[in-house]
Amino acid sequence: MENTDNKEFGRLFNTIPIISEEHLDIILQTMSPKDSIYILVQAVKHAYNNNVYSIGESEVISKSIRVISKINLDTETPKES
C-alpha cells in the first residue's frame, strides 16, 4: 500500500523517518557502509536513551562510536602528501 500523502510510516530508532514499507526495502537494498555506520550509531543511541545499557557498557559503546566516527571521517578526508 502506497503512502501518497507523505506522512511518515514510522521511524527507525526514533530518528530515521520511513515513508512506507517500500521505502524501508529501498534502505535495506541500497545501504552503503557509511549508511550502516549511521544506522548503527542511531540504534545504539536509541537503546541508550531507553536505559538498555549499564554505565560501564555505555562508556564502552560511546568510545566505540567515537573510534568508528573518527575512522569514518579520516577515510572521507583526502590527506595531503
PDB file of N, CA and C in Angstrom:
ATOM      1  N   MET A   1       0.842  -1.185   0.000  1.00  0.00           N
ATOM      2  CA  MET A   1       0.000   0.000   0.000  1.00  0.00           C
ATOM      3  C   MET A   1       0.881   1.239   0.000  1.00  0.00           C
ATOM      4  N   GLU A   2       0.681   2.099  -0.928  1.00  0.00           N
ATOM      5  CA  GLU A   2       1.494   3.291  -1.119  1.00  0.00           C
ATOM      6  C   GLU A   2       1.002   4.421  -0.226  1.00  0.00           C
ATOM      7  N   ASN A   3       1.936   5.129   0.377  1.00  0.00           N
ATOM      8  CA  ASN A   3       1.617   6.292   1.203  1.00  0.00           C
ATOM      9  C   ASN A   3       1.753   7.521   0.316  1.00  0.00           C
ATOM     10  N   THR A   4       0.644   8.053  -0.200  1.00  0.00           N
ATOM     11  CA  THR A   4       0.688   9.124  -1.180  1.00  0.00           C
ATOM     12  C   THR A   4       0.657  10.516  -0.568  1.00  0.00           C
ATOM     13  N   ASP A   5       0.359  10.642   0.723  1.00  0.00           N
ATOM     14  CA  ASP A   5       0.269  11.978   1.304  1.00  0.00           C
ATOM     15  C   ASP A   5       1.523  12.354   2.110  1.00  0.00           C
ATOM     16  N   ASN A   6       2.637  11.634   1.903  1.00  0.00           N
ATOM     17  CA  ASN A   6       3.937  11.923   2.505  1.00  0.00           C
ATOM     18  C   ASN A   6       3.945  11.909   4.032  1.00  0.00           C
ATOM     19  N   LYS A   7       2.974  11.285   4.657  1.00  0.00           N
ATOM     20  CA  LYS A   7       3.020  11.116   6.098  1.00  0.00           C
ATOM     21  C   LYS A   7       3.997   9.994   6.403  1.00  0.00           C
ATOM     22  N   GLU A   8       4.580  10.054   7.583  1.00  0.00           N
ATOM     23  CA  GLU A   8       5.539   9.019   7.958  1.00  0.00           C
ATOM     24  C   GLU A   8       4.839   7.699   8.221  1.00  0.00           C
ATOM     25  N   PHE A   9       5.446   6.649   7.750  1.00  0.00           N
ATOM     26  CA  PHE A   9       5.002   5.287   8.033  1.00  0.00           C
ATOM     27  C   PHE A   9       5.480   4.907   9.429  1.00  0.00           C
ATOM     28  N   GLY A  10       6.641   5.440   9.793  1.00  0.00           N
ATOM     29  CA  GLY A  10       7.227   5.189  11.104  1.00  0.00           C
ATOM     30  C   GLY A  10       8.623   5.774  11.168  1.00  0.00           C
ATOM     31  N   ARG A  11       9.305   5.488  12.268  1.00  0.00           N
ATOM     32  CA  ARG A  11      10.685   5.947  12.442  1.00  0.00           C
ATOM     33  C   ARG A  11      11.525   4.806  12.983  1.00  0.00           C
ATOM     34  N   LEU A  12      12.687   4.648  12.410  1.00  0.00           N
ATOM     35  CA  LEU A  12      13.643   3.691  12.944  1.00  0.00           C
ATOM     36  C   LEU A  12      14.402   4.367  14.072  1.00  0.00           C
ATOM     37  N   PHE A  13      14.421   3.747  15.219  1.00  0.00           N
ATOM     38  CA  PHE A  13      15.173   4.230  16.371  1.00  0.00           C
ATOM     39  C   PHE A  13      14.813   5.670  16.749  1.00  0.00           C
ATOM     40  N   ASN A  14      13.574   6.045  16.509  1.00  0.00           N
ATOM     41  CA  ASN A  14      13.040   7.383  16.809  1.00  0.00           C
ATOM     42  C   ASN A  14      13.754   8.518  16.080  1.00  0.00           C
ATOM     43  N   THR A  15      14.565   8.222  15.070  1.00  0.00           N
ATOM     44  CA  THR A  15      15.285   9.289  14.370  1.00  0.00           C
ATOM     45  C   THR A  15      15.212   9.210  12.848  1.00  0.00           C
ATOM     46  N   ILE A  16      15.116   8.026  12.284  1.00  0.00           N
ATOM     47  CA  ILE A  16      15.182   7.860  10.833  1.00  0.00           C
ATOM     48  C   ILE A  16      13.766   7.675  10.293  1.00  0.00           C
ATOM     49  N   PRO A  17      13.243   8.686   9.578  1.00  0.00           N
ATOM     50  CA  PRO A  17      11.868   8.581   9.077  1.00  0.00           C
ATOM     51  C   PRO A  17      11.731   7.540   7.964  1.00  0.00           C
ATOM     52  N   ILE A  18      10.641   6.802   8.028  1.00  0.00           N
ATOM     53  CA  ILE A  18      10.296   5.819   7.000  1.00  0.00           C
ATOM     54  C   ILE A  18       8.941   6.232   6.430  1.00  0.00           C
ATOM     55  N   ILE A  19       8.858   6.329   5.112  1.00  0.00           N
ATOM     56  CA  ILE A  19       7.638   6.787   4.459  1.00  0.00           C
ATOM     57  C   ILE A  19       6.688   5.633   4.177  1.00  0.00           C
ATOM     58  N   SER A  20       7.243   4.456   3.858  1.00  0.00           N
ATOM     59  CA  SER A  20       6.412   3.304   3.515  1.00  0.00           C
ATOM     60  C   SER A  20       7.232   2.024   3.694  1.00  0.00           C
ATOM     61  N   GLU A  21       6.578   0.890   3.563  1.00  0.00           N
ATOM     62  CA  GLU A  21       7.307  -0.379   3.600  1.00  0.00           C
ATOM     63  C   GLU A  21       8.292  -0.461   2.436  1.00  0.00           C
ATOM     64  N   GLU A  22       7.905   0.082   1.290  1.00  0.00           N
ATOM     65  CA  GLU A  22       8.789   0.086   0.129  1.00  0.00           C
ATOM     66  C   GLU A  22      10.036   0.922   0.405  1.00  0.00           C
ATOM     67  N   HIS A  23       9.858   2.026   1.119  1.00  0.00           N
ATOM     68  CA  HIS A  23      10.987   2.882   1.488  1.00  0.00           C
ATOM     69  C   HIS A  23      11.964   2.106   2.369  1.00  0.00           C
ATOM     70  N   LEU A  24      11.449   1.338   3.316  1.00  0.00           N
ATOM     71  CA  LEU A  24      12.286   0.503   4.168  1.00  0.00           C
ATOM     72  C   LEU A  24      13.051  -0.516   3.325  1.00  0.00           C
ATOM     73  N   ASP A  25      12.373  -1.124   2.359  1.00  0.00           N
ATOM     74  CA  ASP A  25      13.035  -2.076   1.462  1.00  0.00           C
ATOM     75  C   ASP A  25      14.170  -1.405   0.688  1.00  0.00           C
ATOM     76  N   ILE A  26      13.945  -0.183   0.226  1.00  0.00           N
ATOM     77  CA  ILE A  26      14.977   0.549  -0.514  1.00  0.00           C
ATOM     78  C   ILE A  26      16.180   0.822   0.381  1.00  0.00           C
ATOM     79  N   ILE A  27      15.922   1.221   1.630  1.00  0.00           N
ATOM     80  CA  ILE A  27      17.015   1.452   2.577  1.00  0.00           C
ATOM     81  C   ILE A  27      17.836   0.182   2.743  1.00  0.00           C
ATOM     82  N   LEU A  28      17.156  -0.941   2.915  1.00  0.00           N
ATOM     83  CA  LEU A  28      17.848  -2.211   3.113  1.00  0.00           C
ATOM     84  C   LEU A  28      18.646  -2.634   1.885  1.00  0.00           C
ATOM     85  N   GLN A  29      18.116  -2.382   0.704  1.00  0.00           N
ATOM     86  CA  GLN A  29      18.759  -2.841  -0.526  1.00  0.00           C
ATOM     87  C   GLN A  29      19.903  -1.940  -0.983  1.00  0.00           C
ATOM     88  N   THR A  30      19.906  -0.687  -0.554  1.00  0.00           N
ATOM     89  CA  THR A  30      20.908   0.263  -1.056  1.00  0.00           C
ATOM     90  C   THR A  30      21.862   0.761   0.029  1.00  0.00           C
ATOM     91  N   MET A  31      21.882   0.098   1.173  1.00  0.00           N
ATOM     92  CA  MET A  31      22.676   0.562   2.303  1.00  0.00           C
ATOM     93  C   MET A  31      24.175   0.517   1.993  1.00  0.00           C
ATOM     94  N   SER A  32      24.816   1.655   2.180  1.00  0.00           N
ATOM     95  CA  SER A  32      26.264   1.762   1.986  1.00  0.00           C
ATOM     96  C   SER A  32      26.965   1.575   3.338  1.00  0.00           C
ATOM     97  N   PRO A  33      28.275   1.406   3.328  1.00  0.00           N
ATOM     98  CA  PRO A  33      28.983   1.328   4.609  1.00  0.00           C
ATOM     99  C   PRO A  33      28.765   2.575   5.478  1.00  0.00           C
ATOM    100  N   LYS A  34      28.750   3.736   4.854  1.00  0.00           N
ATOM    101  CA  LYS A  34      28.508   4.987   5.599  1.00  0.00           C
ATOM    102  C   LYS A  34      27.100   4.974   6.205  1.00  0.00           C
ATOM    103  N   ASP A  35      26.111   4.541   5.428  1.00  0.00           N
ATOM    104  CA  ASP A  35      24.736   4.445   5.932  1.00  0.00           C
ATOM    105  C   ASP A  35      24.647   3.463   7.097  1.00  0.00           C
ATOM    106  N   SER A  36      25.347   2.343   6.972  1.00  0.00           N
ATOM    107  CA  SER A  36      25.263   1.320   8.013  1.00  0.00           C
ATOM    108  C   SER A  36      25.856   1.819   9.324  1.00  0.00           C
ATOM    109  N   ILE A  37      26.939   2.571   9.257  1.00  0.00           N
ATOM    110  CA  ILE A  37      27.513   3.143  10.477  1.00  0.00           C
ATOM    111  C   ILE A  37      26.534   4.130  11.098  1.00  0.00           C
ATOM    112  N   TYR A  38      25.930   4.983  10.286  1.00  0.00           N
ATOM    113  CA  TYR A  38      24.950   5.942  10.799  1.00  0.00           C
ATOM    114  C   TYR A  38      23.790   5.220  11.486  1.00  0.00           C
ATOM    115  N   ILE A  39      23.278   4.182  10.854  1.00  0.00           N
ATOM    116  CA  ILE A  39      22.144   3.447  11.411  1.00  0.00           C
ATOM    117  C   ILE A  39      22.544   2.749  12.709  1.00  0.00           C
ATOM    118  N   LEU A  40      23.718   2.151  12.749  1.00  0.00           N
ATOM    119  CA  LEU A  40      24.180   1.501  13.974  1.00  0.00           C
ATOM    120  C   LEU A  40      24.322   2.504  15.113  1.00  0.00           C
ATOM    121  N   VAL A  41      24.872   3.674  14.828  1.00  0.00           N
ATOM    122  CA  VAL A  41      25.004   4.705  15.862  1.00  0.00           C
ATOM    123  C   VAL A  41      23.628   5.140  16.358  1.00  0.00           C
ATOM    124  N   GLN A  42      22.678   5.312  15.444  1.00  0.00           N
ATOM    125  CA  GLN A  42      21.321   5.701  15.859  1.00  0.00           C
ATOM    126  C   GLN A  42      20.679   4.615  16.717  1.00  0.00           C
ATOM    127  N   ALA A  43      20.901   3.360  16.365  1.00  0.00           N
ATOM    128  CA  ALA A  43      20.339   2.247  17.130  1.00  0.00           C
ATOM    129  C   ALA A  43      20.919   2.212  18.539  1.00  0.00           C
ATOM    130  N   VAL A  44      22.217   2.412  18.650  1.00  0.00           N
ATOM    131  CA  VAL A  44      22.869   2.409  19.965  1.00  0.00           C
ATOM    132  C   VAL A  44      22.387   3.592  20.801  1.00  0.00           C
ATOM    133  N   LYS A  45      22.288   4.770  20.200  1.00  0.00           N
ATOM    134  CA  LYS A  45      21.795   5.944  20.927  1.00  0.00           C
ATOM    135  C   LYS A  45      20.360   5.724  21.401  1.00  0.00           C
ATOM    136  N   HIS A  46      19.556   5.109  20.560  1.00  0.00           N
ATOM    137  CA  HIS A  46      18.164   4.827  20.918  1.00  0.00           C
ATOM    138  C   HIS A  46      18.103   3.878  22.117  1.00  0.00           C
ATOM    139  N   ALA A  47      18.899   2.832  22.082  1.00  0.00           N
ATOM    140  CA  ALA A  47      18.923   1.892  23.202  1.00  0.00           C
ATOM    141  C   ALA A  47      19.419   2.574  24.469  1.00  0.00           C
ATOM    142  N   TYR A  48      20.432   3.423  24.336  1.00  0.00           N
ATOM    143  CA  TYR A  48      20.949   4.157  25.498  1.00  0.00           C
ATOM    144  C   TYR A  48      19.864   5.047  26.096  1.00  0.00           C
ATOM    145  N   ASN A  49      19.150   5.764  25.239  1.00  0.00           N
ATOM    146  CA  ASN A  49      18.083   6.654  25.720  1.00  0.00           C
ATOM    147  C   ASN A  49      16.961   5.891  26.408  1.00  0.00           C
ATOM    148  N   ASN A  50      16.859   4.603  26.117  1.00  0.00           N
ATOM    149  CA  ASN A  50      15.839   3.769  26.750  1.00  0.00           C
ATOM    150  C   ASN A  50      16.418   2.939  27.899  1.00  0.00           C
ATOM    151  N   ASN A  51      17.583   3.379  28.400  1.00  0.00           N
ATOM    152  CA  ASN A  51      18.227   2.763  29.572  1.00  0.00           C
ATOM    153  C   ASN A  51      18.481   1.265  29.413  1.00  0.00           C
ATOM    154  N   VAL A  52      18.929   0.871  28.252  1.00  0.00           N
ATOM    155  CA  VAL A  52      19.203  -0.535  27.997  1.00  0.00           C
ATOM    156  C   VAL A  52      20.575  -0.937  28.544  1.00  0.00           C
ATOM    157  N   TYR A  53      21.506   0.002  28.610  1.00  0.00           N
ATOM    158  CA  TYR A  53      22.879  -0.305  28.980  1.00  0.00           C
ATOM    159  C   TYR A  53      23.213   0.151  30.394  1.00  0.00           C
ATOM    160  N   SER A  54      24.186  -0.552  31.003  1.00  0.00           N
ATOM    161  CA  SER A  54      24.740  -0.104  32.282  1.00  0.00           C
ATOM    162  C   SER A  54      25.694   1.062  32.014  1.00  0.00           C
ATOM    163  N   ILE A  55      26.174   1.712  33.056  1.00  0.00           N
ATOM    164  CA  ILE A  55      27.110   2.831  32.886  1.00  0.00           C
ATOM    165  C   ILE A  55      28.395   2.348  32.207  1.00  0.00           C
ATOM    166  N   GLY A  56      28.921   1.215  32.626  1.00  0.00           N
ATOM    167  CA  GLY A  56      30.138   0.684  32.013  1.00  0.00           C
ATOM    168  C   GLY A  56      29.945   0.349  30.548  1.00  0.00           C
ATOM    169  N   GLU A  57      28.817  -0.282  30.235  1.00  0.00           N
ATOM    170  CA  GLU A  57      28.512  -0.616  28.840  1.00  0.00           C
ATOM    171  C   GLU A  57      28.383   0.658  28.009  1.00  0.00           C
ATOM    172  N   SER A  58      27.729   1.665  28.569  1.00  0.00           N
ATOM    173  CA  SER A  58      27.560   2.939  27.862  1.00  0.00           C
ATOM    174  C   SER A  58      28.907   3.573  27.552  1.00  0.00           C
ATOM    175  N   GLU A  59      29.843   3.479  28.506  1.00  0.00           N
ATOM    176  CA  GLU A  59      31.171   4.048  28.302  1.00  0.00           C
ATOM    177  C   GLU A  59      31.899   3.348  27.157  1.00  0.00           C
ATOM    178  N   VAL A  60      31.835   2.030  27.131  1.00  0.00           N
ATOM    179  CA  VAL A  60      32.493   1.262  26.070  1.00  0.00           C
ATOM    180  C   VAL A  60      31.850   1.558  24.717  1.00  0.00           C
ATOM    181  N   ILE A  61      30.550   1.613  24.679  1.00  0.00           N
ATOM    182  CA  ILE A  61      29.839   1.899  23.425  1.00  0.00           C
ATOM    183  C   ILE A  61      30.153   3.310  22.942  1.00  0.00           C
ATOM    184  N   SER A  62      30.161   4.267  23.855  1.00  0.00           N
ATOM    185  CA  SER A  62      30.475   5.647  23.494  1.00  0.00           C
ATOM    186  C   SER A  62      31.861   5.741  22.868  1.00  0.00           C
ATOM    187  N   LYS A  63      32.837   5.092  23.469  1.00  0.00           N
ATOM    188  CA  LYS A  63      34.206   5.090  22.923  1.00  0.00           C
ATOM    189  C   LYS A  63      34.232   4.419  21.550  1.00  0.00           C
ATOM    190  N   SER A  64      33.500   3.322  21.417  1.00  0.00           N
ATOM    191  CA  SER A  64      33.443   2.617  20.125  1.00  0.00           C
ATOM    192  C   SER A  64      32.886   3.522  19.038  1.00  0.00           C
ATOM    193  N   ILE A  65      31.839   4.264  19.358  1.00  0.00           N
ATOM    194  CA  ILE A  65      31.239   5.185  18.380  1.00  0.00           C
ATOM    195  C   ILE A  65      32.235   6.268  17.998  1.00  0.00           C
ATOM    196  N   ARG A  66      32.952   6.803  18.971  1.00  0.00           N
ATOM    197  CA  ARG A  66      33.945   7.843  18.663  1.00  0.00           C
ATOM    198  C   ARG A  66      35.051   7.294  17.768  1.00  0.00           C
ATOM    199  N   VAL A  67      35.501   6.088  18.039  1.00  0.00           N
ATOM    200  CA  VAL A  67      36.553   5.475  17.212  1.00  0.00           C
ATOM    201  C   VAL A  67      36.051   5.255  15.791  1.00  0.00           C
ATOM    202  N   ILE A  68      34.859   4.675  15.648  1.00  0.00           N
ATOM    203  CA  ILE A  68      34.294   4.432  14.316  1.00  0.00           C
ATOM    204  C   ILE A  68      34.083   5.745  13.577  1.00  0.00           C
ATOM    205  N   SER A  69      33.555   6.737  14.270  1.00  0.00           N
ATOM    206  CA  SER A  69      33.302   8.035  13.641  1.00  0.00           C
ATOM    207  C   SER A  69      34.603   8.669  13.179  1.00  0.00           C
ATOM    208  N   LYS A  70      35.664   8.570  13.995  1.00  0.00           N
ATOM    209  CA  LYS A  70      36.960   9.122  13.615  1.00  0.00           C
ATOM    210  C   LYS A  70      37.525   8.384  12.404  1.00  0.00           C
ATOM    211  N   ILE A  71      37.424   7.076  12.391  1.00  0.00           N
ATOM    212  CA  ILE A  71      37.903   6.287  11.246  1.00  0.00           C
ATOM    213  C   ILE A  71      37.134   6.689   9.993  1.00  0.00           C
ATOM    214  N   ASN A  72      35.813   6.830  10.130  1.00  0.00           N
ATOM    215  CA  ASN A  72      34.965   7.204   9.005  1.00  0.00           C
ATOM    216  C   ASN A  72      35.342   8.595   8.494  1.00  0.00           C
ATOM    217  N   LEU A  73      35.573   9.548   9.401  1.00  0.00           N
ATOM    218  CA  LEU A  73      35.967  10.895   8.981  1.00  0.00           C
ATOM    219  C   LEU A  73      37.339  10.891   8.332  1.00  0.00           C
ATOM    220  N   ASP A  74      38.268  10.105   8.886  1.00  0.00           N
ATOM    221  CA  ASP A  74      39.613  10.029   8.328  1.00  0.00           C
ATOM    222  C   ASP A  74      39.615   9.478   6.903  1.00  0.00           C
ATOM    223  N   THR A  75      38.754   8.518   6.613  1.00  0.00           N
ATOM    224  CA  THR A  75      38.722   7.933   5.271  1.00  0.00           C
ATOM    225  C   THR A  75      38.008   8.825   4.274  1.00  0.00           C
ATOM    226  N   GLU A  76      37.159   9.737   4.768  1.00  0.00           N
ATOM    227  CA  GLU A  76      36.455  10.641   3.856  1.00  0.00           C
ATOM    228  C   GLU A  76      37.279  11.879   3.522  1.00  0.00           C
ATOM    229  N   THR A  77      38.208  12.265   4.406  1.00  0.00           N
ATOM    230  CA  THR A  77      39.003  13.465   4.208  1.00  0.00           C
ATOM    231  C   THR A  77      40.261  13.119   3.437  1.00  0.00           C
ATOM    232  N   PRO A  78      40.436  13.719   2.260  1.00  0.00           N
ATOM    233  CA  PRO A  78      41.655  13.460   1.495  1.00  0.00           C
ATOM    234  C   PRO A  78      42.874  13.960   2.275  1.00  0.00           C
ATOM    235  N   LYS A  79      43.914  13.165   2.319  1.00  0.00           N
ATOM    236  CA  LYS A  79      45.128  13.554   3.026  1.00  0.00           C
ATOM    237  C   LYS A  79      46.129  14.126   2.043  1.00  0.00           C
ATOM    238  N   GLU A  80      46.777  15.208   2.492  1.00  0.00           N
ATOM    239  CA  GLU A  80      47.794  15.827   1.645  1.00  0.00           C
ATOM    240  C   GLU A  80      49.085  15.046   1.764  1.00  0.00           C
ATOM    241  N   SER A  81      49.813  14.939   0.666  1.00  0.00           N
ATOM    242  CA  SER A  81      51.082  14.212   0.711  1.00  0.00           C
ATOM    243  C   SER A  81      52.253  15.142   0.706  1.00  0.00           C
TER     244      SER A  81
END
